[in-house]
Amino acid sequence: MHLPAGAHVADRRGLTAMGAATIGLAIGFVGAVIDVETGSGLRNVFAICFIVGSALAALLAHHEDLKATIVMPPLIYCVLALVGAAIGHTARSGSFLKQNALELVSSLISGAPVLYAATGLALVIALVRLRTARRP
């Protein structure tokens, strides 16, 4: 079966941008599920998994996809914060949209250090990889 262009996540050179995003989402999702199932909200396990996922994405991505690994962490964080809120959703008053918007804002504020650390680490890894890449 032939996959459409852009659907590949990896090849012999490493991960595509799609593969890097998948790694970041998958590892962060595992941390989010563990944290939500063992307490309230996204905490330490999520933070570690999210940072490790962002670093692995930057380490394993194709050189031409390194820029994508730098902008991925904030986007992935937003998705995972919403998923974490949906998994740990309790009965609250107000509209679903309002609840999720408030949860996202709360997660972005309380999780800013984690978000900065993951994005900064991805940036450093990408810059080091770009600088040390062999030039033809």
C-alpha atoms as a PDB file:
ATOM      1  CA  MET A   1       0.000   0.000   0.000  1.00  0.00           C
ATOM      2  CA  HIS A   2       1.325   3.428  -0.950  1.00  0.00           C
ATOM      3  CA  LEU A   3       0.982   6.236   1.590  1.00  0.00           C
ATOM      4  CA  PRO A   4       0.256   9.775   0.400  1.00  0.00           C
ATOM      5  CA  ALA A   5       3.115  12.268   0.293  1.00  0.00           C
ATOM      6  CA  GLY A   6       3.947  13.592   3.738  1.00  0.00           C
ATOM      7  CA  ALA A   7       2.371  10.628   5.549  1.00  0.00           C
ATOM      8  CA  HIS A   8       5.679   8.955   6.337  1.00  0.00           C
ATOM      9  CA  VAL A   9       6.889   9.384   9.877  1.00  0.00           C
ATOM     10  CA  ALA A  10      10.399   7.961   9.535  1.00  0.00           C
ATOM     11  CA  ASP A  11      12.982   6.619   7.141  1.00  0.00           C
ATOM     12  CA  ARG A  12      16.606   5.521   7.360  1.00  0.00           C
ATOM     13  CA  ARG A  13      17.710   9.128   8.036  1.00  0.00           C
ATOM     14  CA  GLY A  14      15.454   9.592  11.026  1.00  0.00           C
ATOM     15  CA  LEU A  15      12.079  11.148  11.740  1.00  0.00           C
ATOM     16  CA  THR A  16      10.146  13.440   9.459  1.00  0.00           C
ATOM     17  CA  ALA A  17       8.422  16.475  10.972  1.00  0.00           C
ATOM     18  CA  MET A  18       5.287  14.325  11.258  1.00  0.00           C
ATOM     19  CA  GLY A  19       7.245  11.619  13.051  1.00  0.00           C
ATOM     20  CA  ALA A  20       8.826  14.133  15.423  1.00  0.00           C
ATOM     21  CA  ALA A  21       5.388  15.527  16.270  1.00  0.00           C
ATOM     22  CA  THR A  22       4.103  11.998  16.815  1.00  0.00           C
ATOM     23  CA  ILE A  23       6.957  11.199  19.215  1.00  0.00           C
ATOM     24  CA  GLY A  24       6.395  14.419  21.164  1.00  0.00           C
ATOM     25  CA  LEU A  25       2.651  13.844  21.371  1.00  0.00           C
ATOM     26  CA  ALA A  26       2.935  10.173  22.300  1.00  0.00           C
ATOM     27  CA  ILE A  27       5.470  10.618  25.099  1.00  0.00           C
ATOM     28  CA  GLY A  28       3.693  13.699  26.448  1.00  0.00           C
ATOM     29  CA  PHE A  29       0.353  11.886  26.295  1.00  0.00           C
ATOM     30  CA  VAL A  30       1.705   9.037  28.417  1.00  0.00           C
ATOM     31  CA  GLY A  31       2.826  11.552  31.052  1.00  0.00           C
ATOM     32  CA  ALA A  32      -0.509  13.387  30.908  1.00  0.00           C
ATOM     33  CA  VAL A  33      -2.491  10.186  31.405  1.00  0.00           C
ATOM     34  CA  ILE A  34      -0.318   9.113  34.340  1.00  0.00           C
ATOM     35  CA  ASP A  35      -0.629  12.511  36.037  1.00  0.00           C
ATOM     36  CA  VAL A  36      -4.366  12.879  35.482  1.00  0.00           C
ATOM     37  CA  GLU A  37      -5.091   9.330  36.642  1.00  0.00           C
ATOM     38  CA  THR A  38      -3.003   9.713  39.803  1.00  0.00           C
ATOM     39  CA  GLY A  39      -4.095  13.177  40.863  1.00  0.00           C
ATOM     40  CA  SER A  40      -5.343  16.517  39.673  1.00  0.00           C
ATOM     41  CA  GLY A  41      -4.015  18.116  36.505  1.00  0.00           C
ATOM     42  CA  LEU A  42      -0.681  17.901  34.708  1.00  0.00           C
ATOM     43  CA  ARG A  43       2.235  17.646  37.101  1.00  0.00           C
ATOM     44  CA  ASN A  44       5.770  16.245  37.299  1.00  0.00           C
ATOM     45  CA  VAL A  45       5.423  13.063  35.246  1.00  0.00           C
ATOM     46  CA  PHE A  46       3.889  15.054  32.417  1.00  0.00           C
ATOM     47  CA  ALA A  47       6.612  17.697  32.674  1.00  0.00           C
ATOM     48  CA  ILE A  48       9.383  15.112  32.414  1.00  0.00           C
ATOM     49  CA  CYS A  49       7.696  13.230  29.576  1.00  0.00           C
ATOM     50  CA  PHE A  50       6.939  16.433  27.675  1.00  0.00           C
ATOM     51  CA  ILE A  51      10.521  17.700  27.921  1.00  0.00           C
ATOM     52  CA  VAL A  52      11.966  14.289  26.979  1.00  0.00           C
ATOM     53  CA  GLY A  53       9.554  13.997  24.033  1.00  0.00           C
ATOM     54  CA  SER A  54      10.515  17.454  22.756  1.00  0.00           C
ATOM     55  CA  ALA A  55      14.223  16.658  23.098  1.00  0.00           C
ATOM     56  CA  LEU A  56      13.880  13.296  21.328  1.00  0.00           C
ATOM     57  CA  ALA A  57      11.953  14.924  18.501  1.00  0.00           C
ATOM     58  CA  ALA A  58      14.787  17.415  17.981  1.00  0.00           C
ATOM     59  CA  LEU A  59      17.449  14.697  18.273  1.00  0.00           C
ATOM     60  CA  LEU A  60      15.867  12.280  15.813  1.00  0.00           C
ATOM     61  CA  ALA A  61      14.358  14.581  13.173  1.00  0.00           C
ATOM     62  CA  HIS A  62      15.751  15.061   9.679  1.00  0.00           C
ATOM     63  CA  HIS A  63      18.003  18.106   9.381  1.00  0.00           C
ATOM     64  CA  GLU A  64      15.528  19.801   7.063  1.00  0.00           C
ATOM     65  CA  ASP A  65      12.775  19.323   9.678  1.00  0.00           C
ATOM     66  CA  LEU A  66      14.670  20.804  12.634  1.00  0.00           C
ATOM     67  CA  LYS A  67      12.867  24.146  12.398  1.00  0.00           C
ATOM     68  CA  ALA A  68       9.590  22.307  12.885  1.00  0.00           C
ATOM     69  CA  THR A  69      10.882  20.705  16.083  1.00  0.00           C
ATOM     70  CA  ILE A  70      11.453  24.162  17.554  1.00  0.00           C
ATOM     71  CA  VAL A  71       7.880  25.357  17.015  1.00  0.00           C
ATOM     72  CA  MET A  72       6.259  22.033  17.921  1.00  0.00           C
ATOM     73  CA  PRO A  73       6.513  22.121  21.742  1.00  0.00           C
ATOM     74  CA  PRO A  74       4.056  25.014  22.299  1.00  0.00           C
ATOM     75  CA  LEU A  75       1.548  23.501  19.879  1.00  0.00           C
ATOM     76  CA  ILE A  76       1.879  20.028  21.359  1.00  0.00           C
ATOM     77  CA  TYR A  77       1.596  21.483  24.873  1.00  0.00           C
ATOM     78  CA  CYS A  78      -1.714  23.147  24.003  1.00  0.00           C
ATOM     79  CA  VAL A  79      -3.082  19.910  22.567  1.00  0.00           C
ATOM     80  CA  LEU A  80      -1.945  17.879  25.573  1.00  0.00           C
ATOM     81  CA  ALA A  81      -3.296  20.447  28.046  1.00  0.00           C
ATOM     82  CA  LEU A  82      -6.712  20.164  26.405  1.00  0.00           C
ATOM     83  CA  VAL A  83      -6.481  16.371  26.343  1.00  0.00           C
ATOM     84  CA  GLY A  84      -5.467  16.348  30.004  1.00  0.00           C
ATOM     85  CA  ALA A  85      -8.439  18.550  30.842  1.00  0.00           C
ATOM     86  CA  ALA A  86     -10.774  16.258  28.893  1.00  0.00           C
ATOM     87  CA  ILE A  87      -9.415  13.117  30.570  1.00  0.00           C
ATOM     88  CA  GLY A  88      -9.666  14.619  34.039  1.00  0.00           C
ATOM     89  CA  HIS A  89     -12.951  16.392  33.308  1.00  0.00           C
ATOM     90  CA  THR A  90     -15.255  16.686  36.274  1.00  0.00           C
ATOM     91  CA  ALA A  91     -18.798  17.972  36.326  1.00  0.00           C
ATOM     92  CA  ARG A  92     -18.560  21.765  36.408  1.00  0.00           C
ATOM     93  CA  SER A  93     -20.999  24.456  35.524  1.00  0.00           C
ATOM     94  CA  GLY A  94     -20.576  26.485  32.375  1.00  0.00           C
ATOM     95  CA  SER A  95     -20.181  25.674  28.726  1.00  0.00           C
ATOM     96  CA  PHE A  96     -17.761  23.046  27.482  1.00  0.00           C
ATOM     97  CA  LEU A  97     -15.896  25.645  25.419  1.00  0.00           C
ATOM     98  CA  LYS A  98     -15.538  28.011  28.375  1.00  0.00           C
ATOM     99  CA  GLN A  99     -14.311  25.218  30.654  1.00  0.00           C
ATOM    100  CA  ASN A 100     -11.692  24.110  28.130  1.00  0.00           C
ATOM    101  CA  ALA A 101     -10.549  27.666  27.452  1.00  0.00           C
ATOM    102  CA  LEU A 102     -10.113  28.293  31.178  1.00  0.00           C
ATOM    103  CA  GLU A 103      -8.279  24.980  31.619  1.00  0.00           C
ATOM    104  CA  LEU A 104      -5.945  25.798  28.715  1.00  0.00           C
ATOM    105  CA  VAL A 105      -5.155  29.266  30.088  1.00  0.00           C
ATOM    106  CA  SER A 106      -4.574  27.818  33.537  1.00  0.00           C
ATOM    107  CA  SER A 107      -2.280  25.108  32.125  1.00  0.00           C
ATOM    108  CA  LEU A 108      -0.326  27.625  30.066  1.00  0.00           C
ATOM    109  CA  ILE A 109       0.211  29.858  33.092  1.00  0.00           C
ATOM    110  CA  SER A 110       1.104  27.132  35.569  1.00  0.00           C
ATOM    111  CA  GLY A 111       3.076  25.115  33.025  1.00  0.00           C
ATOM    112  CA  ALA A 112       5.038  27.990  31.501  1.00  0.00           C
ATOM    113  CA  PRO A 113       8.385  26.853  32.974  1.00  0.00           C
ATOM    114  CA  VAL A 114       7.888  23.370  31.503  1.00  0.00           C
ATOM    115  CA  LEU A 115       6.904  24.842  28.156  1.00  0.00           C
ATOM    116  CA  TYR A 116       9.929  27.161  28.136  1.00  0.00           C
ATOM    117  CA  ALA A 117      12.268  24.332  29.138  1.00  0.00           C
ATOM    118  CA  ALA A 118      11.001  21.999  26.410  1.00  0.00           C
ATOM    119  CA  THR A 119      11.100  24.680  23.718  1.00  0.00           C
ATOM    120  CA  GLY A 120      14.534  25.913  24.841  1.00  0.00           C
ATOM    121  CA  LEU A 121      15.968  22.404  24.901  1.00  0.00           C
ATOM    122  CA  ALA A 122      14.574  21.662  21.437  1.00  0.00           C
ATOM    123  CA  LEU A 123      16.088  24.939  20.202  1.00  0.00           C
ATOM    124  CA  VAL A 124      19.521  24.170  21.672  1.00  0.00           C
ATOM    125  CA  ILE A 125      19.520  20.634  20.259  1.00  0.00           C
ATOM    126  CA  ALA A 126      18.424  21.845  16.824  1.00  0.00           C
ATOM    127  CA  LEU A 127      21.057  24.598  16.756  1.00  0.00           C
ATOM    128  CA  VAL A 128      23.826  22.201  17.816  1.00  0.00           C
ATOM    129  CA  ARG A 129      22.731  19.673  15.194  1.00  0.00           C
ATOM    130  CA  LEU A 130      22.604  22.343  12.486  1.00  0.00           C
ATOM    131  CA  ARG A 131      26.035  23.698  13.460  1.00  0.00           C
ATOM    132  CA  THR A 132      27.692  20.285  13.578  1.00  0.00           C
ATOM    133  CA  ALA A 133      26.045  18.943  10.415  1.00  0.00           C
ATOM    134  CA  ARG A 134      28.409  17.855   7.659  1.00  0.00           C
ATOM    135  CA  ARG A 135      28.407  20.207   4.724  1.00  0.00           C
ATOM    136  CA  PRO A 136      28.577  18.576   1.263  1.00  0.00           C
END
